[in-house]
Amino acid sequence: MLPNLKALSLGWKIAGVVLIAIAIVAGFRSCTATTNHRTDVAIGAAKGEGAATAAAAAATKGLENVEKGNAAAAAVDRDADARRAGCLRHSRTKQNC
């Protein structure tokens, strides 16, 4: 095969080198695009997972606050003085308390 390459004119040799260079560049760009896409997908998944974790943490904190509020309301219901003070704070007719 090498004797056949030596027989080619300089123009054909340059054209062959240019085509090989184009093929190498196209292959490199294809690999880079694939890698970039996979990286973008991985980053998007990580962000989504972070958002889901943050939402779960917020929901847990909200439930804890509701539990604390319910416990405080139950404590007020058990304590007659606190119940009367709450009634006086919120009632329009203080005589009903």
C-alpha atoms as a PDB file:
ATOM      1  CA  MET A   1       0.000   0.000   0.000  1.00  0.00           C
ATOM      2  CA  LEU A   2       2.872   2.383   0.664  1.00  0.00           C
ATOM      3  CA  PRO A   3       4.106   2.223  -2.928  1.00  0.00           C
ATOM      4  CA  ASN A   4       0.610   3.284  -4.040  1.00  0.00           C
ATOM      5  CA  LEU A   5       0.701   6.293  -1.666  1.00  0.00           C
ATOM      6  CA  LYS A   6       4.073   7.357  -3.028  1.00  0.00           C
ATOM      7  CA  ALA A   7       2.675   7.351  -6.521  1.00  0.00           C
ATOM      8  CA  LEU A   8      -0.085   9.853  -5.662  1.00  0.00           C
ATOM      9  CA  SER A   9       0.355  13.487  -6.531  1.00  0.00           C
ATOM     10  CA  LEU A  10       0.911  16.103  -3.825  1.00  0.00           C
ATOM     11  CA  GLY A  11      -2.681  17.400  -4.164  1.00  0.00           C
ATOM     12  CA  TRP A  12      -4.180  13.980  -3.365  1.00  0.00           C
ATOM     13  CA  LYS A  13      -1.842  13.550  -0.420  1.00  0.00           C
ATOM     14  CA  ILE A  14      -2.895  16.941   1.013  1.00  0.00           C
ATOM     15  CA  ALA A  15      -6.559  16.083   0.435  1.00  0.00           C
ATOM     16  CA  GLY A  16      -6.087  12.799   2.319  1.00  0.00           C
ATOM     17  CA  VAL A  17      -4.400  14.545   5.250  1.00  0.00           C
ATOM     18  CA  VAL A  18      -7.192  17.154   5.359  1.00  0.00           C
ATOM     19  CA  LEU A  19      -9.864  14.434   5.372  1.00  0.00           C
ATOM     20  CA  ILE A  20      -8.081  12.567   8.176  1.00  0.00           C
ATOM     21  CA  ALA A  21      -7.808  15.829  10.171  1.00  0.00           C
ATOM     22  CA  ILE A  22     -11.524  16.515   9.651  1.00  0.00           C
ATOM     23  CA  ALA A  23     -12.371  12.991  10.812  1.00  0.00           C
ATOM     24  CA  ILE A  24     -10.237  13.421  13.958  1.00  0.00           C
ATOM     25  CA  VAL A  25     -11.809  16.791  14.782  1.00  0.00           C
ATOM     26  CA  ALA A  26     -15.333  15.463  14.184  1.00  0.00           C
ATOM     27  CA  GLY A  27     -14.655  12.471  16.416  1.00  0.00           C
ATOM     28  CA  PHE A  28     -13.268  14.683  19.153  1.00  0.00           C
ATOM     29  CA  ARG A  29     -16.256  17.033  18.981  1.00  0.00           C
ATOM     30  CA  SER A  30     -18.650  14.080  19.082  1.00  0.00           C
ATOM     31  CA  CYS A  31     -16.973  12.683  22.198  1.00  0.00           C
ATOM     32  CA  THR A  32     -16.960  16.114  23.823  1.00  0.00           C
ATOM     33  CA  ALA A  33     -20.649  16.661  23.058  1.00  0.00           C
ATOM     34  CA  THR A  34     -21.539  13.271  24.509  1.00  0.00           C
ATOM     35  CA  THR A  35     -19.506  13.937  27.637  1.00  0.00           C
ATOM     36  CA  ASN A  36     -21.031  17.404  28.050  1.00  0.00           C
ATOM     37  CA  HIS A  37     -24.542  15.976  27.676  1.00  0.00           C
ATOM     38  CA  ARG A  38     -23.885  13.288  30.273  1.00  0.00           C
ATOM     39  CA  THR A  39     -22.419  15.883  32.623  1.00  0.00           C
ATOM     40  CA  ASP A  40     -25.446  18.149  32.173  1.00  0.00           C
ATOM     41  CA  VAL A  41     -27.791  15.226  32.862  1.00  0.00           C
ATOM     42  CA  ALA A  42     -25.834  14.297  35.998  1.00  0.00           C
ATOM     43  CA  ILE A  43     -25.839  17.890  37.265  1.00  0.00           C
ATOM     44  CA  GLY A  44     -29.567  18.206  36.591  1.00  0.00           C
ATOM     45  CA  ALA A  45     -30.247  14.996  38.496  1.00  0.00           C
ATOM     46  CA  ALA A  46     -28.108  16.185  41.393  1.00  0.00           C
ATOM     47  CA  LYS A  47     -29.955  19.493  41.507  1.00  0.00           C
ATOM     48  CA  GLY A  48     -33.278  17.683  41.405  1.00  0.00           C
ATOM     49  CA  GLU A  49     -32.170  15.412  44.220  1.00  0.00           C
ATOM     50  CA  GLY A  50     -31.046  18.434  46.223  1.00  0.00           C
ATOM     51  CA  ALA A  51     -34.399  20.121  45.662  1.00  0.00           C
ATOM     52  CA  ALA A  52     -36.230  16.968  46.724  1.00  0.00           C
ATOM     53  CA  THR A  53     -34.090  16.728  49.853  1.00  0.00           C
ATOM     54  CA  ALA A  54     -34.760  20.377  50.697  1.00  0.00           C
ATOM     55  CA  ALA A  55     -38.507  19.909  50.163  1.00  0.00           C
ATOM     56  CA  ALA A  56     -38.513  16.841  52.402  1.00  0.00           C
ATOM     57  CA  ALA A  57     -36.601  18.729  55.093  1.00  0.00           C
ATOM     58  CA  ALA A  58     -39.059  21.632  54.889  1.00  0.00           C
ATOM     59  CA  ALA A  59     -42.016  19.265  55.128  1.00  0.00           C
ATOM     60  CA  THR A  60     -40.481  17.572  58.158  1.00  0.00           C
ATOM     61  CA  LYS A  61     -39.876  20.940  59.815  1.00  0.00           C
ATOM     62  CA  GLY A  62     -43.469  21.946  59.070  1.00  0.00           C
ATOM     63  CA  LEU A  63     -44.789  18.767  60.674  1.00  0.00           C
ATOM     64  CA  GLU A  64     -42.608  19.376  63.729  1.00  0.00           C
ATOM     65  CA  ASN A  65     -44.027  22.900  64.035  1.00  0.00           C
ATOM     66  CA  VAL A  66     -47.599  21.571  63.770  1.00  0.00           C
ATOM     67  CA  GLU A  67     -46.866  19.011  66.481  1.00  0.00           C
ATOM     68  CA  LYS A  68     -45.447  21.732  68.741  1.00  0.00           C
ATOM     69  CA  GLY A  69     -48.474  23.928  68.082  1.00  0.00           C
ATOM     70  CA  ASN A  70     -50.869  21.094  68.864  1.00  0.00           C
ATOM     71  CA  ALA A  71     -48.976  20.340  72.077  1.00  0.00           C
ATOM     72  CA  ALA A  72     -49.158  24.013  73.081  1.00  0.00           C
ATOM     73  CA  ALA A  73     -52.888  24.133  72.305  1.00  0.00           C
ATOM     74  CA  ALA A  74     -53.449  21.009  74.382  1.00  0.00           C
ATOM     75  CA  ALA A  75     -51.486  22.556  77.269  1.00  0.00           C
ATOM     76  CA  VAL A  76     -53.619  25.693  77.091  1.00  0.00           C
ATOM     77  CA  ASP A  77     -56.797  23.574  77.076  1.00  0.00           C
ATOM     78  CA  ARG A  78     -55.648  21.779  80.240  1.00  0.00           C
ATOM     79  CA  ASP A  79     -54.719  24.983  82.080  1.00  0.00           C
ATOM     80  CA  ALA A  80     -57.795  26.971  83.182  1.00  0.00           C
ATOM     81  CA  ASP A  81     -55.875  30.238  83.683  1.00  0.00           C
ATOM     82  CA  ALA A  82     -54.247  30.016  80.275  1.00  0.00           C
ATOM     83  CA  ARG A  83     -57.578  29.131  78.666  1.00  0.00           C
ATOM     84  CA  ARG A  84     -59.220  32.202  80.269  1.00  0.00           C
ATOM     85  CA  ALA A  85     -56.318  34.454  79.235  1.00  0.00           C
ATOM     86  CA  GLY A  86     -56.663  33.211  75.651  1.00  0.00           C
ATOM     87  CA  CYS A  87     -60.384  33.792  75.765  1.00  0.00           C
ATOM     88  CA  LEU A  88     -59.876  37.344  77.019  1.00  0.00           C
ATOM     89  CA  ARG A  89     -57.345  38.024  74.249  1.00  0.00           C
ATOM     90  CA  HIS A  90     -59.587  36.809  71.448  1.00  0.00           C
ATOM     91  CA  SER A  91     -63.130  37.435  72.641  1.00  0.00           C
ATOM     92  CA  ARG A  92     -65.166  40.490  71.696  1.00  0.00           C
ATOM     93  CA  THR A  93     -67.353  40.105  74.727  1.00  0.00           C
ATOM     94  CA  LYS A  94     -65.105  39.702  77.761  1.00  0.00           C
ATOM     95  CA  GLN A  95     -68.066  38.806  79.987  1.00  0.00           C
ATOM     96  CA  ASN A  96     -68.411  35.445  78.225  1.00  0.00           C
ATOM     97  CA  CYS A  97     -64.979  34.366  79.459  1.00  0.00           C
END
